[in-house]
Protein backbone atom coordinates (compact mmCIF):
# COMPACT_ATOMS: atom_id res chain seq x y z
CA MET A 1 -32.99 -1.82 120.50
CA LYS A 2 -29.88 -3.16 118.76
CA ILE A 3 -30.04 -4.74 115.31
CA LEU A 4 -27.21 -6.36 113.37
CA ILE A 5 -27.65 -6.79 109.61
CA LYS A 6 -25.14 -9.35 108.30
CA ASN A 7 -23.85 -10.50 104.93
CA GLY A 8 -25.53 -7.89 102.75
CA ILE A 9 -24.03 -5.96 99.84
CA VAL A 10 -24.13 -2.28 100.78
CA VAL A 11 -24.80 0.21 97.99
CA ASN A 12 -23.89 3.71 99.12
CA PRO A 13 -24.42 6.47 96.53
CA GLN A 14 -22.85 9.12 98.75
CA ASN A 15 -19.37 7.74 98.05
CA ASN A 16 -20.18 5.65 94.96
CA HIS A 17 -19.17 2.51 96.81
CA GLU A 18 -20.55 -1.00 96.79
CA GLY A 19 -19.29 -3.89 98.91
CA GLN A 20 -20.20 -6.59 101.40
CA TYR A 21 -20.49 -5.19 104.92
CA ASP A 22 -22.40 -5.73 108.13
CA ILE A 23 -24.36 -2.90 109.70
CA ARG A 24 -25.12 -2.37 113.37
CA ILE A 25 -28.06 -0.21 114.40
CA GLU A 26 -28.71 1.15 117.88
CA ASP A 27 -32.07 2.78 118.43
CA GLU A 28 -32.63 5.08 115.44
CA ARG A 29 -29.14 5.30 113.97
CA ILE A 30 -26.39 3.37 112.25
CA THR A 31 -23.56 2.94 114.75
CA GLU A 32 -21.15 0.62 112.96
CA ILE A 33 -20.38 -0.55 109.43
CA GLY A 34 -17.71 -3.17 108.86
CA GLU A 35 -16.71 -6.58 107.65
CA ASN A 36 -17.63 -9.64 109.72
CA LEU A 37 -18.97 -7.75 112.72
CA SER A 38 -19.33 -10.08 115.68
CA GLU A 39 -22.66 -10.50 117.41
CA LYS A 40 -22.68 -8.73 120.76
CA ASP A 41 -25.76 -8.04 122.79
CA ASP A 42 -27.87 -7.45 119.67
CA ASP A 43 -31.62 -7.85 120.09
CA GLN A 44 -32.07 -8.97 116.49
CA VAL A 45 -29.82 -10.33 113.76
CA ILE A 46 -31.01 -9.98 110.16
CA ASP A 47 -29.38 -12.24 107.59
CA ALA A 48 -29.09 -10.25 104.38
CA THR A 49 -27.29 -12.93 102.36
CA ASN A 50 -27.83 -12.33 98.62
CA LEU A 51 -29.56 -9.01 99.36
CA PHE A 52 -28.43 -5.48 98.56
CA ILE A 53 -28.69 -2.84 101.30
CA ALA A 54 -29.41 0.71 100.18
CA PRO A 55 -30.51 3.97 101.80
CA GLY A 56 -34.26 4.13 102.26
CA PHE A 57 -35.86 5.69 99.22
CA ILE A 58 -37.05 9.31 99.34
CA ASP A 59 -39.97 10.44 97.18
CA LEU A 60 -40.33 14.17 96.56
CA HIS A 61 -43.85 13.80 95.15
CA VAL A 62 -46.68 11.74 96.62
CA HIS A 63 -50.37 12.25 97.26
CA LEU A 64 -51.43 10.75 100.58
CA ARG A 65 -54.93 12.25 100.22
CA GLU A 66 -55.54 13.11 103.86
CA PRO A 67 -57.16 15.30 104.97
CA GLY A 68 -60.37 15.08 102.98
CA PHE A 69 -60.06 12.14 100.60
CA SER A 70 -59.77 9.08 102.82
CA GLU A 71 -61.76 7.03 100.31
CA LYS A 72 -58.69 7.29 98.04
CA GLU A 73 -55.89 6.87 100.59
CA THR A 74 -55.08 7.51 104.25
CA ILE A 75 -51.88 8.24 106.09
CA TYR A 76 -52.19 4.74 107.55
CA THR A 77 -52.52 2.90 104.22
CA GLY A 78 -50.37 5.29 102.21
CA THR A 79 -47.29 5.18 104.43
CA ARG A 80 -47.48 1.39 104.64
CA ALA A 81 -47.66 1.25 100.86
CA CYS A 82 -44.60 3.52 100.79
CA ALA A 83 -42.75 1.19 103.17
CA LYS A 84 -43.58 -1.77 100.93
CA GLY A 85 -42.07 0.19 98.06
CA GLY A 86 -38.84 0.78 100.03
CA TYR A 87 -39.60 4.41 100.89
CA THR A 88 -38.71 5.83 104.29
CA ARG A 89 -39.40 9.53 103.63
CA VAL A 90 -41.96 11.12 101.33
CA VAL A 91 -43.01 14.67 100.51
CA CYS A 92 -46.79 14.95 100.38
CA MET A 93 -48.55 17.36 98.07
CA PRO A 94 -50.97 20.05 99.31
CA ASN A 95 -54.03 19.33 97.13
CA THR A 96 -56.06 17.92 100.01
CA LYS A 97 -59.34 19.14 101.51
CA PRO A 98 -58.72 21.47 103.17
CA ALA A 99 -55.56 22.22 101.25
CA LEU A 100 -52.28 22.38 103.16
CA ASP A 101 -52.53 26.17 103.17
CA THR A 102 -52.40 27.20 106.86
CA PRO A 103 -50.24 26.26 109.85
CA ALA A 104 -53.33 24.82 111.55
CA VAL A 105 -53.93 22.34 108.73
CA ILE A 106 -50.22 21.44 108.66
CA GLU A 107 -50.25 20.86 112.43
CA SER A 108 -53.33 18.65 112.16
CA LEU A 109 -51.70 16.59 109.41
CA MET A 110 -48.52 16.16 111.44
CA ASP A 111 -50.53 15.02 114.45
CA LEU A 112 -52.19 12.42 112.23
CA CYS A 113 -48.83 11.30 110.91
CA LYS A 114 -47.50 10.86 114.45
CA LYS A 115 -50.41 8.54 115.11
CA ASP A 116 -50.71 6.61 111.84
CA ALA A 117 -47.52 6.92 109.76
CA VAL A 118 -44.75 4.30 109.77
CA ILE A 119 -42.28 6.49 107.83
CA THR A 120 -41.37 10.19 107.75
CA VAL A 121 -43.88 12.45 106.00
CA VAL A 122 -42.81 15.97 105.04
CA PRO A 123 -45.56 18.37 103.92
CA THR A 124 -45.56 20.85 101.05
CA GLY A 125 -47.39 24.13 101.57
CA ALA A 126 -49.79 25.64 99.05
CA ILE A 127 -48.76 28.78 97.16
CA THR A 128 -52.37 30.00 97.06
CA LYS A 129 -55.35 29.44 99.31
CA SER A 130 -57.24 26.25 98.46
CA ILE A 131 -54.86 25.95 95.47
CA ALA A 132 -57.36 28.13 93.66
CA GLY A 133 -54.82 30.61 92.31
CA ASP A 134 -56.69 33.64 93.66
CA VAL A 135 -55.14 34.60 97.02
CA LEU A 136 -51.61 34.02 98.30
CA THR A 137 -51.09 32.00 101.46
CA ALA A 138 -48.88 33.24 104.31
CA HIS A 139 -45.72 31.64 102.97
CA ASP A 140 -43.54 32.58 105.94
CA GLN A 141 -45.98 30.98 108.37
CA LEU A 142 -46.09 27.80 106.30
CA PHE A 143 -42.31 27.52 106.36
CA GLU A 144 -42.33 28.06 110.13
CA SER A 145 -44.83 25.19 110.41
CA GLY A 146 -42.38 22.80 108.76
CA VAL A 147 -43.16 22.62 105.05
CA CYS A 148 -40.18 21.83 102.83
CA ALA A 149 -41.45 23.60 99.71
CA LEU A 150 -44.23 25.65 98.17
CA SER A 151 -46.42 24.22 95.42
CA ASP A 152 -49.93 24.39 94.04
CA ASP A 153 -49.48 20.84 92.77
CA GLY A 154 -52.55 19.54 91.02
CA ARG A 155 -52.94 22.90 89.37
CA THR A 156 -50.50 25.43 87.97
CA THR A 157 -50.28 28.85 89.59
CA MET A 158 -51.08 30.86 86.47
CA ASN A 159 -50.61 34.28 88.11
CA VAL A 160 -47.04 35.33 87.30
CA ASP A 161 -46.88 37.82 90.19
CA TYR A 162 -47.82 35.05 92.62
CA MET A 163 -45.01 32.89 91.28
CA HIS A 164 -42.54 35.72 91.81
CA ALA A 165 -43.84 36.00 95.38
CA ALA A 166 -43.43 32.26 95.94
CA PHE A 167 -39.81 32.36 94.79
CA LYS A 168 -39.08 35.40 96.95
CA SER A 169 -40.53 33.70 100.05
CA SER A 170 -38.79 30.41 99.33
CA LYS A 171 -35.44 32.08 98.80
CA LEU A 172 -35.65 33.75 102.22
CA ALA A 173 -36.35 30.35 103.79
CA ASP A 174 -33.85 28.51 101.53
CA LYS A 175 -36.61 26.21 100.32
CA LEU A 176 -37.92 24.96 96.99
CA VAL A 177 -40.72 26.01 94.72
CA MET A 178 -42.12 22.79 93.23
CA THR A 179 -44.20 23.22 90.10
CA HIS A 180 -46.93 21.35 88.30
CA SER A 181 -46.33 22.45 84.72
CA GLU A 182 -49.64 22.72 82.89
CA ASP A 183 -50.85 25.65 80.83
CA HIS A 184 -54.53 25.60 81.78
CA GLU A 185 -55.40 27.93 78.91
CA ILE A 186 -54.59 24.95 76.68
CA THR A 187 -55.67 21.98 78.79
CA GLU A 188 -59.07 23.29 79.84
CA ARG A 189 -60.10 23.22 76.18
CA LEU A 190 -59.00 19.60 75.81
CA SER A 191 -60.69 17.68 78.64
CA ASP A 192 -61.51 14.75 76.35
CA GLU A 193 -58.11 14.63 74.63
CA ILE A 194 -54.46 13.94 75.41
CA TYR A 195 -53.12 17.44 75.77
CA PRO A 196 -50.00 18.48 73.79
CA THR A 197 -46.47 18.78 75.16
CA GLN A 198 -46.61 22.55 74.61
CA ALA A 199 -48.91 22.82 77.63
CA GLU A 200 -46.07 21.48 79.78
CA SER A 201 -43.11 23.22 78.17
CA ASN A 202 -44.80 26.66 78.17
CA ILE A 203 -44.97 26.62 81.96
CA VAL A 204 -41.54 25.03 82.44
CA LYS A 205 -39.98 27.86 80.41
CA ARG A 206 -42.02 30.49 82.25
CA ASP A 207 -41.03 29.19 85.68
CA ILE A 208 -37.37 28.91 84.73
CA GLU A 209 -37.44 32.60 83.77
CA ILE A 210 -39.07 33.56 87.08
CA CYS A 211 -36.64 31.38 89.04
CA ALA A 212 -33.70 33.06 87.31
CA ALA A 213 -35.10 36.54 87.94
CA GLU A 214 -35.54 35.82 91.66
CA ASN A 215 -32.39 33.68 92.00
CA GLY A 216 -34.50 30.99 93.65
CA ARG A 217 -34.60 27.20 93.55
CA LEU A 218 -37.07 25.52 91.20
CA HIS A 219 -38.00 21.85 91.19
CA VAL A 220 -40.03 20.78 88.16
CA SER A 221 -42.35 17.87 88.88
CA HIS A 222 -43.03 14.85 86.63
CA VAL A 223 -41.21 15.91 83.46
CA SER A 224 -42.73 14.10 80.48
CA SER A 225 -41.61 15.67 77.20
CA ILE A 226 -38.58 16.43 75.06
CA ASP A 227 -39.32 20.18 74.99
CA ALA A 228 -39.46 20.42 78.79
CA ILE A 229 -36.24 18.42 79.15
CA GLU A 230 -34.41 20.64 76.68
CA ALA A 231 -35.55 23.78 78.50
CA ILE A 232 -34.28 22.38 81.80
CA ARG A 233 -31.01 21.25 80.25
CA ALA A 234 -30.42 24.74 78.85
CA ALA A 235 -31.28 26.36 82.20
CA LYS A 236 -28.79 24.16 84.03
CA ALA A 237 -26.10 25.09 81.52
CA LYS A 238 -26.72 28.74 82.41
CA GLY A 239 -26.32 28.01 86.13
CA ILE A 240 -29.98 28.50 87.01
CA GLN A 241 -30.91 26.56 90.14
CA VAL A 242 -33.40 24.12 88.64
CA THR A 243 -33.87 20.43 89.38
CA CYS A 244 -36.48 18.03 88.12
CA GLU A 245 -37.97 14.56 88.48
CA ALA A 246 -39.34 11.79 86.28
CA ALA A 247 -41.97 9.22 87.22
CA PRO A 248 -41.60 5.49 86.42
CA HIS A 249 -44.72 5.46 84.26
CA HIS A 250 -43.19 8.13 82.01
CA PHE A 251 -39.93 6.26 81.35
CA ALA A 252 -41.32 2.71 81.38
CA LEU A 253 -44.39 3.32 79.20
CA SER A 254 -45.24 5.22 76.04
CA GLU A 255 -48.33 5.70 73.93
CA ASP A 256 -47.07 2.72 71.90
CA SER A 257 -47.34 0.40 74.90
CA VAL A 258 -50.60 1.43 76.59
CA ASP A 259 -54.11 2.32 75.51
CA MET A 260 -54.14 6.06 76.04
CA GLN A 261 -57.92 6.16 76.19
CA ASN A 262 -58.01 3.56 78.97
CA THR A 263 -58.66 5.61 82.09
CA MET A 264 -56.11 3.57 84.06
CA SER A 265 -53.54 5.25 81.81
CA LYS A 266 -54.99 8.72 82.38
CA VAL A 267 -52.36 10.72 84.22
CA ASN A 268 -51.27 14.33 84.35
CA PRO A 269 -49.00 14.98 82.49
CA PRO A 270 -49.95 12.27 80.01
CA ILE A 271 -47.84 9.28 79.05
CA ARG A 272 -46.13 10.51 75.90
CA SER A 273 -44.59 9.24 72.66
CA GLU A 274 -41.77 6.72 72.44
CA LYS A 275 -39.45 9.61 71.46
CA ASP A 276 -40.36 11.41 74.68
CA ARG A 277 -39.83 8.23 76.71
CA ILE A 278 -36.37 7.75 75.22
CA ALA A 279 -35.54 11.40 75.91
CA ILE A 280 -36.49 10.92 79.57
CA VAL A 281 -34.23 7.87 79.85
CA LYS A 282 -31.33 9.77 78.26
CA ALA A 283 -31.89 12.68 80.64
CA LEU A 284 -31.78 10.31 83.60
CA VAL A 285 -28.52 8.89 82.28
CA ASP A 286 -26.83 12.27 81.71
CA GLY A 287 -28.12 13.90 84.91
CA THR A 288 -30.49 16.43 83.41
CA ILE A 289 -33.24 14.68 85.35
CA ASP A 290 -32.11 14.60 88.97
CA VAL A 291 -34.43 12.14 90.71
CA ILE A 292 -37.13 9.55 90.28
CA ALA A 293 -40.39 10.48 92.00
CA THR A 294 -43.58 8.46 91.78
CA ASP A 295 -46.35 11.08 91.77
CA HIS A 296 -48.24 8.35 93.65
CA ALA A 297 -51.86 9.31 93.02
CA PRO A 298 -54.27 6.71 94.43
CA HIS A 299 -57.96 6.79 93.54
CA GLU A 300 -60.99 4.72 94.37
CA LEU A 301 -61.91 2.70 91.29
CA GLU A 302 -65.29 4.43 90.90
CA SER A 303 -63.53 7.69 90.01
CA LYS A 304 -61.46 5.96 87.31
CA LEU A 305 -64.16 3.76 85.78
CA ARG A 306 -65.90 6.63 84.03
CA PRO A 307 -65.87 8.19 80.57
CA TYR A 308 -62.40 9.53 79.84
CA ALA A 309 -63.27 13.22 80.21
CA SER A 310 -64.65 12.79 83.73
CA ALA A 311 -62.24 10.12 85.01
CA SER A 312 -59.65 11.13 87.61
CA PHE A 313 -56.03 11.71 86.66
CA GLY A 314 -53.41 9.58 88.40
CA ILE A 315 -51.57 6.31 88.87
CA SER A 316 -50.97 4.44 92.12
CA GLY A 317 -47.25 3.85 91.79
CA ILE A 318 -45.36 3.79 95.08
CA GLU A 319 -45.35 0.00 95.49
CA THR A 320 -44.11 -0.74 91.97
CA ALA A 321 -41.59 2.08 91.58
CA PHE A 322 -38.42 0.15 92.40
CA SER A 323 -39.18 -2.96 90.35
CA VAL A 324 -40.37 -0.93 87.36
CA SER A 325 -37.33 1.38 87.56
CA TYR A 326 -34.90 -1.51 88.01
CA THR A 327 -36.43 -3.35 85.06
CA ALA A 328 -36.65 -0.34 82.74
CA LEU A 329 -33.30 1.22 83.59
CA VAL A 330 -30.87 -1.29 85.12
CA LYS A 331 -31.86 -4.62 83.55
CA SER A 332 -32.00 -2.83 80.21
CA GLY A 333 -28.41 -1.64 80.66
CA GLU A 334 -29.18 2.08 80.69
CA ILE A 335 -27.78 2.81 84.17
CA SER A 336 -26.09 0.97 87.04
CA LEU A 337 -27.76 -0.14 90.25
CA LEU A 338 -25.66 2.47 92.08
CA LYS A 339 -27.02 5.21 89.81
CA LEU A 340 -30.59 4.04 90.37
CA ILE A 341 -30.13 4.11 94.13
CA GLU A 342 -28.71 7.63 93.83
CA LEU A 343 -31.82 8.73 91.91
CA LEU A 344 -34.10 7.19 94.55
CA SER A 345 -32.34 8.27 97.74
CA TYR A 346 -29.19 10.41 97.80
CA ARG A 347 -30.20 13.06 95.25
CA PRO A 348 -33.71 13.54 96.68
CA ALA A 349 -32.11 14.05 100.10
CA GLN A 350 -29.78 16.68 98.64
CA ILE A 351 -32.55 18.53 96.81
CA GLY A 352 -34.85 18.50 99.83
CA LYS A 353 -31.91 19.38 102.12
CA PHE A 354 -32.86 16.50 104.39
CA LYS A 355 -30.17 15.82 106.95
CA GLU A 356 -28.69 12.44 107.95
CA VAL A 357 -30.64 10.41 105.39
CA GLY A 358 -30.01 9.28 101.82
CA ALA A 359 -26.79 7.39 102.53
CA VAL A 360 -25.52 4.37 104.46
CA GLU A 361 -23.23 6.12 106.92
CA VAL A 362 -22.39 5.84 110.62
CA GLY A 363 -24.41 8.45 112.51
CA TYR A 364 -27.15 8.60 109.90
CA PHE A 365 -30.69 7.50 110.62
CA ALA A 366 -31.14 3.78 110.08
CA ASP A 367 -33.45 4.29 107.10
CA LEU A 368 -32.58 1.30 104.94
CA VAL A 369 -34.06 -0.90 102.25
CA LEU A 370 -33.01 -4.50 101.56
CA LEU A 371 -33.37 -5.45 97.90
CA ASP A 372 -33.67 -8.85 96.25
CA LEU A 373 -32.43 -8.39 92.70
CA ASN A 374 -33.12 -12.03 91.81
CA ALA A 375 -36.85 -11.67 92.41
CA GLU A 376 -39.29 -11.70 89.51
CA GLN A 377 -42.96 -10.84 89.67
CA VAL A 378 -45.95 -9.85 87.61
CA ILE A 379 -47.60 -6.65 88.80
CA ASP A 380 -51.03 -7.30 90.30
CA SER A 381 -52.74 -4.26 91.80
CA SER A 382 -55.07 -6.44 93.87
CA THR A 383 -52.05 -7.09 96.13
CA PHE A 384 -51.39 -3.37 96.75
CA ILE A 385 -51.48 -2.12 100.33
CA SER A 386 -52.54 1.27 98.98
CA LYS A 387 -56.26 1.86 98.67
CA GLY A 388 -55.53 2.93 95.11
CA LYS A 389 -55.52 0.00 92.71
CA ASN A 390 -55.39 2.33 89.69
CA THR A 391 -52.46 1.44 87.45
CA PRO A 392 -51.87 0.69 83.78
CA LEU A 393 -48.99 -1.60 84.81
CA ASN A 394 -51.08 -4.65 85.69
CA GLY A 395 -49.56 -7.72 84.08
CA MET A 396 -46.10 -6.21 83.58
CA HIS A 397 -43.27 -8.67 84.27
CA THR A 398 -40.68 -6.95 86.46
CA TYR A 399 -37.40 -7.78 88.16
CA GLY A 400 -36.12 -6.79 91.59
CA ALA A 401 -38.15 -6.51 94.77
CA VAL A 402 -38.06 -4.90 98.18
CA ALA A 403 -37.40 -7.58 100.79
CA MET A 404 -37.40 -5.35 103.89
CA THR A 405 -37.63 -1.69 104.85
CA LEU A 406 -36.33 -0.17 108.07
CA HIS A 407 -37.26 3.32 109.22
CA HIS A 408 -35.27 4.82 112.10
CA GLY A 409 -34.18 1.29 113.02
CA ASN A 410 -37.67 -0.22 113.00
CA VAL A 411 -38.69 -2.89 110.52
CA VAL A 412 -41.72 -1.32 108.82
CA TYR A 413 -42.05 -3.78 105.94
CA LYS A 414 -40.98 -7.39 105.45
CA ARG A 415 -41.79 -9.38 102.35
């Protein structure tokens, strides 16, 4: 299969270059990039006039819910929602049922992905069995089965010795430890309240210390507060190998803009103050925060439409991530389009050590997203492909939209 994409403006964060080029794809890979490429024996010609062409987005933090929670999301619906959002590769978290804690469960998930996924799904392995914090998993076996990182995401591994073990195992495999930063000694007392930033920063500081002691690689998930950002900034200045991510709902919203007691806004960590939101934006600008990740957490509405204390945490955010990020960061003048694309594609590829993706280069996989920056829309969760309609963003006016997504040379979404 040969595809020629013509007349688009290519945005390539690998070399910080933007310009009008045509792209030829043969089978799974980009084979030619140039000006005014002539049509040969191409099977399909895509006119990208007035569209920007970027590397397919890579999300280091999504919840696809299978196995075990198909009422919330499936590999089939979740990966199609990802494609609609411009994502061509996502890292799925291990808090499924059963948890992604053995090679057999990982193999079963990968078999399901081969059957139902339209993009690349990379699993994360659990640090402890059933993410219960009680017994370590066989980390070496999980890495051999193809996981890209260890994490007990959804809960924090409170046992310090287990965290040391996770960093030791990950260092041997040259992989990440990805952390959900929540001090459960604080949060379990506050089930009906918005828990304080200290619950996040306590664990961020603890894990930075363990990472430094083991000379490992730490990736801090969904940073939400000034204290956590400052701890990470200081760690980077010391040369500690720590990276981190921010979610669109944390830099586009604050407690001033949403009803924090509305369960559609209930997320972990919570949406914070306007000062915290501004600090996140500044950290994205100066590079303290390395990537944008959605923490896509779809739920069936029944689990959200409950009293606050018993409602599920999470926001379904993969389909709105680009438009919300473009509106909050680029249209506002905080960063350039090129910087946004770097945060969504090139840097995640570097952190995950994913090869031949994250850039528009000859020889790379033809994982591409075509963007219409002139588009305007009002977010309406009833139009989501994801089973999860849970979002506090309904009614938000946003700019920029995904017009088409290609994964390995196949069109997997078209507006």
